[in-house]
């Protein structure tokens, strides 16, 4: 079959027929260099670009991103943008991979002096572990923050050099503890430990002992901020003192449903089914595979109706702005009636989806 051009999406890809012989390309019309290789048995997201050094083209490379059965088009497009940006800077997106056979420059990665660097190991861990397993964007962003902010001066440092200098690792942990706090210091080191362990699977020259073992972990206390039955009376008094009725109804809904506020705020209006008295939570903590429905009691339905009415009456301008820009709205919204995120910042919420109700 001849190559085609089309806007790549999950639905469009599912309709693409398999070729009788060989393979063909379905090129994305939105992102240049991003396309799909359609074979008899599988469909693979791929990018292609020209590596340049000193302003001159050195080679054209094609890099596979992943199988359509293991990742969404949205995730693949995000990875493709990152790969293309690296190629434009003269960097091979998969420099951690083994060099191709002699004479084949399409997927040949430049040799890295001193072994795999932290940056290369992070890219491999992100693509092969986080993206491929469908981790949330928030989780990936947390890992990226640790690597590209906390360990920014180590990005071009080989992991082998870090492994051979454990004192350097301990000092870094002490410095981050002092500058950023004990929790972020521990969290960033957990990220580094995971990346190192993952890199060693394909780089056996790395020392078996993880260099993060050299640090002394900061003590962490488990949060105990959940609200008990005895706190509910005072909670309702503080709830009634909130001036903004939309915020008041939203916190009431978190109590009645027992759902995390972050998950509620990401629910689209189409997920609320008043006829069945259900609201669908598509992406709770843990990913889409843990999606569930919340039955709507009479009080919860009243909460939604009141919030919708207040949203229409109090914030008509914000409502029209959102509707005209076609941006997503949050829960307790019908036909774009209520914009919770645009009204004001939410209160700091207690562990276990309850609210501390302290004024922020």
Protein backbone atom coordinates (compact mmCIF):
# COMPACT_ATOMS: atom_id res chain seq x y z
CA UNK A 1 0.00 0.00 0.00
CA UNK A 2 1.08 3.58 -0.62
CA UNK A 3 1.96 5.90 2.26
CA UNK A 4 -0.82 8.17 3.50
CA UNK A 5 -1.13 11.43 5.46
CA UNK A 6 -3.76 11.89 8.17
CA UNK A 7 -4.27 13.34 11.69
CA UNK A 8 -3.16 10.47 13.91
CA UNK A 9 -5.54 9.57 16.73
CA UNK A 10 -6.44 6.38 18.59
CA UNK A 11 -9.69 5.96 16.64
CA UNK A 12 -8.12 6.69 13.26
CA UNK A 13 -5.25 4.28 13.91
CA UNK A 14 -7.63 1.50 14.93
CA UNK A 15 -9.33 1.77 11.52
CA UNK A 16 -6.12 1.49 9.50
CA UNK A 17 -6.03 -1.81 7.56
CA UNK A 18 -3.05 -4.14 7.70
CA UNK A 19 -1.12 -4.46 4.42
CA UNK A 20 -1.13 -7.72 2.51
CA UNK A 21 2.62 -7.46 2.05
CA UNK A 22 5.37 -5.38 3.66
CA UNK A 23 4.34 -2.20 5.45
CA UNK A 24 3.29 1.38 4.79
CA UNK A 25 3.52 4.72 6.60
CA UNK A 26 0.73 6.88 7.98
CA UNK A 27 2.27 10.32 8.46
CA UNK A 28 0.79 12.75 10.98
CA UNK A 29 -0.45 16.03 9.51
CA UNK A 30 -0.08 17.85 12.85
CA UNK A 31 3.55 17.04 13.74
CA UNK A 32 6.17 16.84 11.01
CA UNK A 33 8.49 13.85 11.37
CA UNK A 34 5.97 11.84 13.42
CA UNK A 35 4.35 8.86 11.71
CA UNK A 36 3.06 5.32 12.10
CA UNK A 37 4.63 2.23 10.56
CA UNK A 38 1.76 -0.14 9.77
CA UNK A 39 2.81 -3.75 9.38
CA UNK A 40 0.97 -7.05 9.12
CA UNK A 41 1.05 -7.74 12.86
CA UNK A 42 1.66 -4.42 14.60
CA UNK A 43 1.63 -0.66 14.26
CA UNK A 44 4.60 1.29 15.59
CA UNK A 45 4.86 5.00 16.43
CA UNK A 46 8.07 6.39 14.90
CA UNK A 47 9.92 9.68 14.36
CA UNK A 48 12.44 10.63 11.68
CA UNK A 49 14.77 13.60 11.50
CA UNK A 50 18.18 14.84 10.37
CA UNK A 51 21.08 14.92 12.81
CA UNK A 52 23.18 18.04 12.33
CA UNK A 53 26.60 19.02 13.61
CA UNK A 54 28.05 22.50 13.12
CA UNK A 55 25.07 23.36 10.95
CA UNK A 56 25.63 20.48 8.53
CA UNK A 57 23.49 17.37 8.08
CA UNK A 58 25.39 14.26 9.18
CA UNK A 59 22.74 11.56 8.95
CA UNK A 60 19.02 10.85 8.82
CA UNK A 61 17.73 8.70 11.65
CA UNK A 62 14.46 6.90 12.26
CA UNK A 63 13.64 6.03 15.87
CA UNK A 64 10.80 3.79 17.05
CA UNK A 65 8.73 5.11 19.97
CA UNK A 66 6.44 2.22 20.81
CA UNK A 67 3.66 -0.13 19.80
CA UNK A 68 0.12 1.24 19.51
CA UNK A 69 -1.10 -1.62 21.71
CA UNK A 70 1.08 -0.40 24.58
CA UNK A 71 0.71 3.38 24.44
CA UNK A 72 -1.79 6.01 23.38
CA UNK A 73 -1.36 8.43 20.48
CA UNK A 74 -1.27 11.31 22.94
CA UNK A 75 1.67 9.82 24.85
CA UNK A 76 3.45 8.91 21.63
CA UNK A 77 3.07 12.44 20.24
CA UNK A 78 4.51 13.93 23.46
CA UNK A 79 7.49 11.59 23.24
CA UNK A 80 7.87 12.36 19.53
CA UNK A 81 8.13 16.09 20.25
CA UNK A 82 10.86 15.40 22.79
CA UNK A 83 12.73 13.10 20.38
CA UNK A 84 12.53 15.61 17.53
CA UNK A 85 13.81 18.36 19.81
CA UNK A 86 16.81 16.22 20.72
CA UNK A 87 17.48 15.41 17.07
CA UNK A 88 17.37 19.11 16.20
CA UNK A 89 20.10 19.66 18.82
CA UNK A 90 22.27 16.97 17.23
CA UNK A 91 21.53 14.35 19.89
CA UNK A 92 20.32 10.83 19.22
CA UNK A 93 17.18 10.13 21.33
CA UNK A 94 18.40 6.61 22.07
CA UNK A 95 22.08 7.09 22.64
CA UNK A 96 21.82 4.43 25.34
CA UNK A 97 21.03 1.78 22.71
CA UNK A 98 23.68 -0.48 21.24
CA UNK A 99 25.25 0.80 17.99
CA UNK A 100 23.76 -0.56 14.79
CA UNK A 101 25.67 -2.71 12.35
CA UNK A 102 28.44 -1.13 10.34
CA UNK A 103 27.21 0.78 7.34
CA UNK A 104 23.72 1.36 8.76
CA UNK A 105 23.43 5.00 9.83
CA UNK A 106 19.66 5.11 10.15
CA UNK A 107 19.49 3.97 13.80
CA UNK A 108 23.14 4.22 14.72
CA UNK A 109 23.67 6.06 18.01
CA UNK A 110 26.85 8.03 18.66
CA UNK A 111 29.24 6.42 21.10
CA UNK A 112 29.20 7.93 24.57
CA UNK A 113 32.57 8.40 26.25
CA UNK A 114 32.62 6.97 29.76
CA UNK A 115 29.40 5.01 29.39
CA UNK A 116 25.73 5.93 29.67
CA UNK A 117 25.08 9.37 31.19
CA UNK A 118 22.35 10.28 33.65
CA UNK A 119 20.47 12.13 30.90
CA UNK A 120 20.51 9.12 28.59
CA UNK A 121 19.51 6.76 31.39
CA UNK A 122 16.65 9.06 32.35
CA UNK A 123 15.35 9.19 28.77
CA UNK A 124 15.46 5.42 28.53
CA UNK A 125 13.71 5.00 31.90
CA UNK A 126 11.03 7.55 30.95
CA UNK A 127 10.22 5.95 27.59
CA UNK A 128 10.63 2.27 28.40
CA UNK A 129 9.22 2.29 31.92
CA UNK A 130 7.00 5.30 32.63
CA UNK A 131 5.43 6.05 29.23
CA UNK A 132 5.15 2.46 28.09
CA UNK A 133 3.42 1.43 31.31
CA UNK A 134 0.95 4.29 31.06
CA UNK A 135 2.06 6.30 34.07
CA UNK A 136 0.20 9.57 34.53
CA UNK A 137 1.59 12.85 33.21
CA UNK A 138 1.79 14.13 36.78
CA UNK A 139 3.99 11.18 37.80
CA UNK A 140 6.29 11.64 34.80
CA UNK A 141 6.55 15.36 35.51
CA UNK A 142 7.54 14.63 39.12
CA UNK A 143 10.38 12.38 37.94
CA UNK A 144 11.44 14.95 35.34
CA UNK A 145 11.57 17.67 38.01
CA UNK A 146 13.89 15.55 40.15
CA UNK A 147 16.27 14.77 37.29
CA UNK A 148 16.29 18.04 35.37
CA UNK A 149 16.17 20.40 38.36
CA UNK A 150 17.74 18.68 41.37
CA UNK A 151 20.39 16.79 39.37
CA UNK A 152 20.79 19.27 36.52
CA UNK A 153 24.59 19.51 36.98
CA UNK A 154 24.85 15.70 36.65
CA UNK A 155 22.91 15.28 33.40
CA UNK A 156 26.04 14.82 31.26
CA UNK A 157 27.85 12.82 33.95
CA UNK A 158 28.28 9.06 33.30
CA UNK A 159 26.48 6.87 35.83
CA UNK A 160 29.70 4.92 36.28
CA UNK A 161 31.43 8.06 37.57
CA UNK A 162 28.62 8.63 40.08
CA UNK A 163 28.74 5.00 41.20
CA UNK A 164 32.47 5.22 41.86
CA UNK A 165 32.08 8.32 44.04
CA UNK A 166 29.49 7.48 46.75
CA UNK A 167 30.67 10.39 48.93
CA UNK A 168 29.50 12.73 46.17
CA UNK A 169 26.05 11.18 46.37
CA UNK A 170 25.87 11.58 50.16
CA UNK A 171 26.94 15.22 49.94
CA UNK A 172 24.30 15.91 47.30
CA UNK A 173 21.62 14.44 49.54
CA UNK A 174 22.78 16.63 52.43
CA UNK A 175 22.76 19.74 50.21
CA UNK A 176 19.26 19.08 48.86
CA UNK A 177 18.01 18.43 52.39
CA UNK A 178 19.33 21.80 53.49
CA UNK A 179 18.11 23.75 50.44
CA UNK A 180 14.85 22.02 49.55
CA UNK A 181 13.84 20.01 52.60
CA UNK A 182 14.07 16.38 53.77
CA UNK A 183 11.13 15.06 51.77
CA UNK A 184 12.26 16.34 48.36
CA UNK A 185 15.79 15.09 49.13
CA UNK A 186 14.53 11.57 49.82
CA UNK A 187 12.17 11.65 46.84
CA UNK A 188 14.81 12.75 44.35
CA UNK A 189 17.19 10.06 45.56
CA UNK A 190 14.49 7.41 45.12
CA UNK A 191 14.13 8.61 41.53
CA UNK A 192 17.88 8.39 40.96
CA UNK A 193 17.99 4.93 42.52
CA UNK A 194 15.23 3.68 40.17
CA UNK A 195 16.94 5.15 37.08
CA UNK A 196 20.28 3.56 38.00
CA UNK A 197 18.73 0.12 38.60
CA UNK A 198 16.92 0.34 35.27
CA UNK A 199 20.07 1.44 33.42
CA UNK A 200 22.09 -1.45 34.81
CA UNK A 201 19.80 -3.95 33.08
CA UNK A 202 21.31 -2.93 29.73
CA UNK A 203 24.69 -1.65 30.97
CA UNK A 204 26.33 -4.46 32.91
CA UNK A 205 29.58 -2.52 33.21
CA UNK A 206 27.90 -0.41 35.91
CA UNK A 207 28.75 -1.45 39.50
CA UNK A 208 26.18 -3.77 41.06
CA UNK A 209 25.84 -1.63 44.19
CA UNK A 210 23.57 1.36 43.70
CA UNK A 211 25.39 4.60 44.68
CA UNK A 212 22.24 5.87 46.42
CA UNK A 213 22.92 3.27 49.14
CA UNK A 214 25.60 5.64 50.44
CA UNK A 215 23.12 8.22 51.77
CA UNK A 216 21.54 8.43 55.22
CA UNK A 217 17.81 8.78 54.62
CA UNK A 218 15.93 11.57 56.31
CA UNK A 219 13.23 10.58 58.76
CA UNK A 220 9.72 10.86 57.39
CA UNK A 221 6.59 10.91 59.51
CA UNK A 222 3.40 9.47 58.13
CA UNK A 223 0.71 12.12 57.77
CA UNK A 224 -2.13 11.87 60.24
CA UNK A 225 -4.52 14.58 59.09
CA UNK A 226 -7.62 12.56 58.27
CA UNK A 227 -10.86 13.84 59.78
CA UNK A 228 -12.65 11.65 62.30
CA UNK A 229 -16.33 11.54 63.22
CA UNK A 230 -15.81 13.94 66.11
CA UNK A 231 -14.42 16.56 63.68
CA UNK A 232 -17.43 16.61 61.37
CA UNK A 233 -19.49 19.06 63.46
CA UNK A 234 -16.73 21.68 63.51
CA UNK A 235 -16.04 20.98 59.83
CA UNK A 236 -19.61 21.96 58.89
CA UNK A 237 -19.35 25.20 60.89
CA UNK A 238 -16.17 26.13 59.03
CA UNK A 239 -17.77 25.08 55.75
CA UNK A 240 -20.71 27.42 56.34
CA UNK A 241 -18.30 30.32 56.93
CA UNK A 242 -16.94 30.13 53.36
CA UNK A 243 -18.32 33.03 51.29
CA UNK A 244 -17.94 31.43 47.88
CA UNK A 245 -20.89 29.02 47.41
CA UNK A 246 -19.13 27.07 44.66
CA UNK A 247 -16.16 26.30 46.88
CA UNK A 248 -18.56 25.40 49.66
CA UNK A 249 -20.47 22.93 47.50
CA UNK A 250 -17.29 21.41 46.09
CA UNK A 251 -15.90 20.59 49.54
CA UNK A 252 -19.26 19.21 50.57
CA UNK A 253 -19.17 16.93 47.55
CA UNK A 254 -15.72 15.59 48.49
CA UNK A 255 -17.06 14.65 51.91
CA UNK A 256 -20.19 12.96 50.57
CA UNK A 257 -18.42 11.05 47.79
CA UNK A 258 -15.19 10.20 49.64
CA UNK A 259 -13.24 10.80 46.42
CA UNK A 260 -9.95 12.65 46.09
CA UNK A 261 -10.52 16.31 45.14
CA UNK A 262 -7.87 16.16 42.42
CA UNK A 263 -9.75 13.33 40.69
CA UNK A 264 -13.07 15.15 41.00
CA UNK A 265 -11.69 18.32 39.41
CA UNK A 266 -10.58 16.40 36.32
CA UNK A 267 -14.01 14.91 35.62
CA UNK A 268 -15.64 16.31 32.49
CA UNK A 269 -19.35 17.26 32.40
CA UNK A 270 -20.12 14.27 30.18
CA UNK A 271 -19.09 11.96 33.04
CA UNK A 272 -22.04 13.06 35.21
CA UNK A 273 -25.14 10.95 34.53
CA UNK A 274 -28.12 12.44 36.38
CA UNK A 275 -30.50 9.83 34.99
CA UNK A 276 -28.50 6.90 36.39
CA UNK A 277 -27.37 9.00 39.37
CA UNK A 278 -23.73 8.21 38.71
CA UNK A 279 -20.52 10.12 38.17
CA UNK A 280 -17.62 8.36 36.48
CA UNK A 281 -14.08 8.94 37.78
CA UNK A 282 -11.91 8.11 34.74
CA UNK A 283 -8.45 8.74 36.19
CA UNK A 284 -8.16 8.18 39.94
CA UNK A 285 -4.82 7.80 41.65
CA UNK A 286 -3.33 4.63 40.21
CA UNK A 287 -4.37 5.24 36.62
CA UNK A 288 -7.27 4.65 34.27
CA UNK A 289 -7.35 0.92 35.03
CA UNK A 290 -8.75 1.79 38.48
CA UNK A 291 -11.59 3.93 37.09
CA UNK A 292 -14.85 3.66 39.03
CA UNK A 293 -18.36 5.11 39.38
CA UNK A 294 -19.71 7.03 42.37
CA UNK A 295 -23.44 6.63 43.08
CA UNK A 296 -25.09 10.03 43.52
CA UNK A 297 -27.28 10.34 46.60
CA UNK A 298 -30.07 12.89 46.76
CA UNK A 299 -27.83 15.26 48.74
CA UNK A 300 -25.04 14.93 46.18
CA UNK A 301 -27.41 15.66 43.30
CA UNK A 302 -28.67 18.73 45.15
CA UNK A 303 -25.06 19.78 45.64
CA UNK A 304 -24.43 19.56 41.91
CA UNK A 305 -27.60 21.43 40.99
CA UNK A 306 -26.85 24.23 43.45
CA UNK A 307 -23.29 24.55 42.18
CA UNK A 308 -24.50 24.68 38.59
CA UNK A 309 -27.00 27.42 39.42
CA UNK A 310 -24.46 29.49 41.36
CA UNK A 311 -21.92 29.07 38.57
CA UNK A 312 -24.32 30.46 36.00
CA UNK A 313 -25.42 33.39 38.14
CA UNK A 314 -22.10 34.44 39.69
CA UNK A 315 -19.57 33.86 36.92
CA UNK A 316 -21.25 34.33 33.51
CA UNK A 317 -18.17 36.04 32.03
CA UNK A 318 -15.80 33.24 33.03
CA UNK A 319 -18.34 30.77 31.71
CA UNK A 320 -18.45 32.42 28.29
CA UNK A 321 -14.66 32.68 28.13
CA UNK A 322 -14.29 28.97 28.71
CA UNK A 323 -17.02 28.10 26.24
CA UNK A 324 -15.54 30.31 23.51
CA UNK A 325 -12.05 28.85 23.97
CA UNK A 326 -13.37 25.26 24.08
CA UNK A 327 -11.22 24.50 27.10
CA UNK A 328 -12.10 21.65 29.42
CA UNK A 329 -14.17 22.41 32.47
CA UNK A 330 -14.19 20.66 35.81
CA UNK A 331 -16.75 18.66 37.75
CA UNK A 332 -20.16 20.04 38.79
CA UNK A 333 -20.53 21.64 35.41
CA UNK A 334 -23.33 21.27 32.92
CA UNK A 335 -22.89 22.81 29.47
CA UNK A 336 -19.91 24.76 30.81
CA UNK A 337 -21.95 26.36 33.60
CA UNK A 338 -19.42 26.24 36.43
CA UNK A 339 -15.66 26.79 36.38
CA UNK A 340 -14.31 25.82 39.79
CA UNK A 341 -10.64 26.21 38.87
CA UNK A 342 -11.29 29.74 37.58
CA UNK A 343 -13.19 30.92 40.64
CA UNK A 344 -10.39 30.79 43.22
CA UNK A 345 -7.74 28.49 44.58
CA UNK A 346 -9.18 25.50 46.46
CA UNK A 347 -8.58 25.04 50.17
CA UNK A 348 -5.79 22.84 51.40
CA UNK A 349 -7.39 19.41 51.62
CA UNK A 350 -6.79 16.90 54.35
CA UNK A 351 -5.45 13.42 53.78
CA UNK A 352 -8.22 11.00 52.96
CA UNK A 353 -10.14 13.47 50.78
CA UNK A 354 -11.36 15.57 53.72
CA UNK A 355 -10.90 19.31 54.06
CA UNK A 356 -9.05 21.15 56.80
CA UNK A 357 -11.24 24.14 55.93
CA UNK A 358 -8.59 26.64 56.88
CA UNK A 359 -8.74 29.80 54.83
CA UNK A 360 -5.97 29.85 52.23
